[in-house]
Protein backbone atom coordinates (compact mmCIF):
# COMPACT_ATOMS: atom_id res chain seq x y z
CA MET A 1 -41.29 24.39 16.24
CA LEU A 2 -40.53 25.39 12.65
CA LYS A 3 -37.00 26.42 13.70
CA ILE A 4 -36.36 22.99 15.28
CA TRP A 5 -37.68 21.25 12.19
CA LEU A 6 -35.46 23.39 9.92
CA ASN A 7 -32.42 22.63 12.09
CA ILE A 8 -33.15 18.91 11.90
CA MET A 9 -33.53 19.10 8.11
CA LEU A 10 -30.31 21.11 7.77
CA PHE A 11 -28.42 18.67 10.00
CA SER A 12 -29.73 15.70 7.97
CA PHE A 13 -28.77 17.36 4.71
CA LEU A 14 -25.24 18.12 5.94
CA GLN A 15 -24.81 14.54 7.16
CA SER A 16 -25.81 13.20 3.74
CA LEU A 17 -23.28 15.50 2.04
CA VAL A 18 -20.51 14.25 4.32
CA ALA A 19 -21.52 10.62 3.75
CA CYS A 20 -21.47 11.10 -0.03
CA GLY A 21 -17.90 12.35 0.15
CA GLN A 22 -16.60 9.38 2.11
CA GLN A 23 -15.08 6.39 0.37
CA THR A 24 -14.17 3.04 1.75
CA TYR A 25 -10.58 1.92 1.38
CA ASP A 26 -11.63 -0.60 -1.29
CA GLN A 27 -13.39 2.13 -3.27
CA LYS A 28 -10.32 4.36 -3.02
CA LEU A 29 -8.06 1.56 -4.22
CA GLN A 30 -10.33 0.75 -7.16
CA SER A 31 -10.20 4.41 -8.19
CA LEU A 32 -6.37 4.33 -8.18
CA TYR A 33 -5.63 1.04 -9.94
CA SER A 34 -5.42 0.66 -13.70
CA ASN A 35 -5.51 -3.15 -13.30
CA THR A 36 -2.46 -3.56 -15.53
CA VAL A 37 -0.69 -5.76 -12.97
CA PRO A 38 -2.46 -8.66 -11.25
CA LEU A 39 -3.31 -8.05 -7.62
CA VAL A 40 -2.37 -10.35 -4.76
CA LYS A 41 -3.84 -10.14 -1.27
CA PRO A 42 -1.55 -9.52 1.73
CA GLN A 43 -2.45 -12.93 3.22
CA GLU A 44 -1.15 -14.65 0.08
CA VAL A 45 2.04 -12.58 0.19
CA LYS A 46 2.52 -13.52 3.85
CA GLU A 47 2.25 -17.21 2.99
CA LYS A 48 4.74 -16.82 0.13
CA LEU A 49 7.16 -14.89 2.34
CA ASN A 50 7.31 -17.78 4.75
CA SER A 51 8.23 -20.15 1.93
CA LYS A 52 10.89 -17.82 0.44
CA GLU A 53 9.51 -18.51 -3.05
CA VAL A 54 8.98 -14.86 -3.90
CA VAL A 55 10.93 -11.63 -4.27
CA ILE A 56 9.27 -8.66 -2.57
CA LEU A 57 10.10 -5.19 -3.92
CA ASP A 58 9.30 -2.01 -1.98
CA THR A 59 8.61 0.85 -4.40
CA ARG A 60 8.21 3.64 -1.85
CA SER A 61 10.75 6.33 -1.02
CA ALA A 62 13.93 5.57 0.90
CA LYS A 63 12.51 7.48 3.90
CA GLU A 64 9.32 5.40 3.90
CA TYR A 65 11.35 2.18 3.59
CA SER A 66 13.64 3.18 6.47
CA ILE A 67 10.66 3.67 8.82
CA SER A 68 9.28 0.20 8.06
CA HIS A 69 8.91 -2.37 5.33
CA LEU A 70 7.83 -5.96 4.84
CA PRO A 71 10.34 -8.53 6.12
CA ASP A 72 12.89 -9.41 3.42
CA ALA A 73 11.62 -6.69 1.07
CA GLN A 74 14.18 -5.15 -1.25
CA PHE A 75 14.11 -1.39 -1.74
CA VAL A 76 13.84 -0.28 -5.37
CA GLY A 77 12.04 3.05 -4.97
CA TYR A 78 9.73 4.79 -7.38
CA ASP A 79 11.05 8.21 -8.41
CA HIS A 80 14.47 6.90 -9.39
CA PHE A 81 13.62 3.29 -10.23
CA ASP A 82 15.99 1.75 -12.78
CA ILE A 83 15.47 -1.72 -14.25
CA GLU A 84 19.19 -2.33 -13.62
CA GLN A 85 18.33 -2.57 -9.90
CA VAL A 86 16.62 -5.91 -10.55
CA LYS A 87 19.00 -7.35 -13.17
CA ASP A 88 19.99 -10.23 -10.84
CA ILE A 89 16.40 -11.42 -10.37
CA PRO A 90 15.51 -14.20 -12.82
CA LYS A 91 12.71 -13.06 -15.13
CA ASP A 92 10.69 -16.18 -14.36
CA LYS A 93 10.90 -15.63 -10.58
CA GLU A 94 7.71 -14.58 -8.80
CA VAL A 95 7.92 -10.88 -7.91
CA VAL A 96 5.50 -8.94 -5.71
CA VAL A 97 5.68 -5.15 -5.67
CA TYR A 98 4.11 -2.90 -3.05
CA CYS A 99 4.01 0.70 -1.87
CA SER A 100 1.72 2.53 0.56
CA VAL A 101 -1.56 1.71 -1.19
CA GLY A 102 -0.60 0.09 -4.51
CA TYR A 103 -0.53 2.93 -7.04
CA ARG A 104 3.25 3.46 -7.32
CA SER A 105 3.89 -0.26 -7.15
CA GLU A 106 1.49 -0.89 -10.02
CA LYS A 107 3.53 1.53 -12.17
CA ILE A 108 6.78 -0.25 -11.25
CA GLY A 109 5.06 -3.59 -11.91
CA GLU A 110 4.25 -2.35 -15.43
CA LYS A 111 7.93 -1.53 -15.97
CA LEU A 112 8.95 -4.99 -14.77
CA LYS A 113 6.47 -6.65 -17.09
CA ASN A 114 7.66 -4.52 -20.01
CA ALA A 115 11.23 -5.62 -19.21
CA GLY A 116 10.22 -9.27 -19.57
CA PHE A 117 9.41 -10.30 -16.01
CA GLN A 118 6.79 -13.01 -16.35
CA ASN A 119 5.30 -13.36 -12.88
CA VAL A 120 4.72 -9.90 -11.38
CA SER A 121 1.90 -8.98 -9.03
CA ASN A 122 0.95 -5.92 -7.01
CA MET A 123 0.04 -6.30 -3.32
CA TYR A 124 -3.51 -5.09 -2.85
CA GLY A 125 -3.70 -2.12 -0.50
CA GLY A 126 0.05 -1.87 -0.02
CA ILE A 127 1.73 -1.68 3.35
CA PHE A 128 -1.38 -0.01 4.79
CA GLN A 129 -3.49 -3.11 4.10
CA TRP A 130 -0.62 -5.33 5.29
CA LYS A 131 -0.68 -3.56 8.67
CA ASN A 132 -4.49 -3.38 8.71
CA GLU A 133 -4.40 -7.18 8.60
CA ASP A 134 -2.01 -7.21 11.59
CA PHE A 135 1.07 -8.44 9.75
CA GLU A 136 4.50 -7.40 11.00
CA VAL A 137 6.81 -4.84 9.46
CA VAL A 138 10.46 -4.23 10.29
CA ASN A 139 12.58 -1.10 10.53
CA GLN A 140 15.94 -0.41 8.89
CA LYS A 141 17.67 -2.52 11.55
CA GLY A 142 15.40 -5.50 10.84
CA GLN A 143 13.57 -5.08 14.15
CA ILE A 144 9.80 -5.45 14.35
CA THR A 145 8.10 -2.05 14.60
CA ASP A 146 4.60 -0.62 14.64
CA SER A 147 5.66 2.54 12.81
CA VAL A 148 4.42 3.11 9.26
CA HIS A 149 5.23 6.12 7.11
CA VAL A 150 1.82 7.36 5.94
CA TYR A 151 3.00 10.37 3.88
CA ASN A 152 0.37 12.80 5.19
CA LYS A 153 -2.97 12.88 7.04
CA ARG A 154 -4.94 12.53 3.80
CA TRP A 155 -3.30 9.19 3.05
CA GLY A 156 -2.74 8.24 6.68
CA LYS A 157 -6.47 7.80 7.22
CA TRP A 158 -6.26 4.49 5.33
CA LEU A 159 -4.06 2.97 8.05
CA GLU A 160 -6.72 1.96 10.54
CA GLU A 161 -6.53 3.34 14.06
CA GLY A 162 -4.66 1.03 16.40
CA LYS A 163 -2.97 -0.85 13.56
CA GLY A 164 0.24 1.13 13.55
CA ILE A 165 2.01 4.29 14.61
CA LYS A 166 1.55 6.86 11.86
CA VAL A 167 4.77 8.61 10.86
CA TYR A 168 4.51 11.68 8.63
CA GLU A 169 8.11 12.85 8.28
């Protein structure tokens, strides 16, 4: 009986350790953001996309962008971003930046703000949250796709099961 009780206690302890190490997506995002660029929810971005009143900039890698991106999003990248890429966008135009989860896009948003862009926001949760909310993405040919580049399994866990096809390469 003591052995059963000890096994139950050990199992309970291990479960509590695992639970303590788990974060929700919101908690993960809050740990990544510096809150230097205002956040905008995917639903709001979707509504703005339909009205064509906003410029959407994808700050992920070229490979990620080629797998899928938001409709009408312009690729600007992250590693080799240059403010010259956006010289034709009026500085008073509304600009929304996004990446996989919002970290890289926040950094590009900071650069845009420092360059004088007046209305820059970062899409909360990035393309993962966009897909988690069942919004469409398109591939490099402009065709609707379910594929989303998730970088690796560690980051891919934030794209909910059944919300997209996880691509790692």
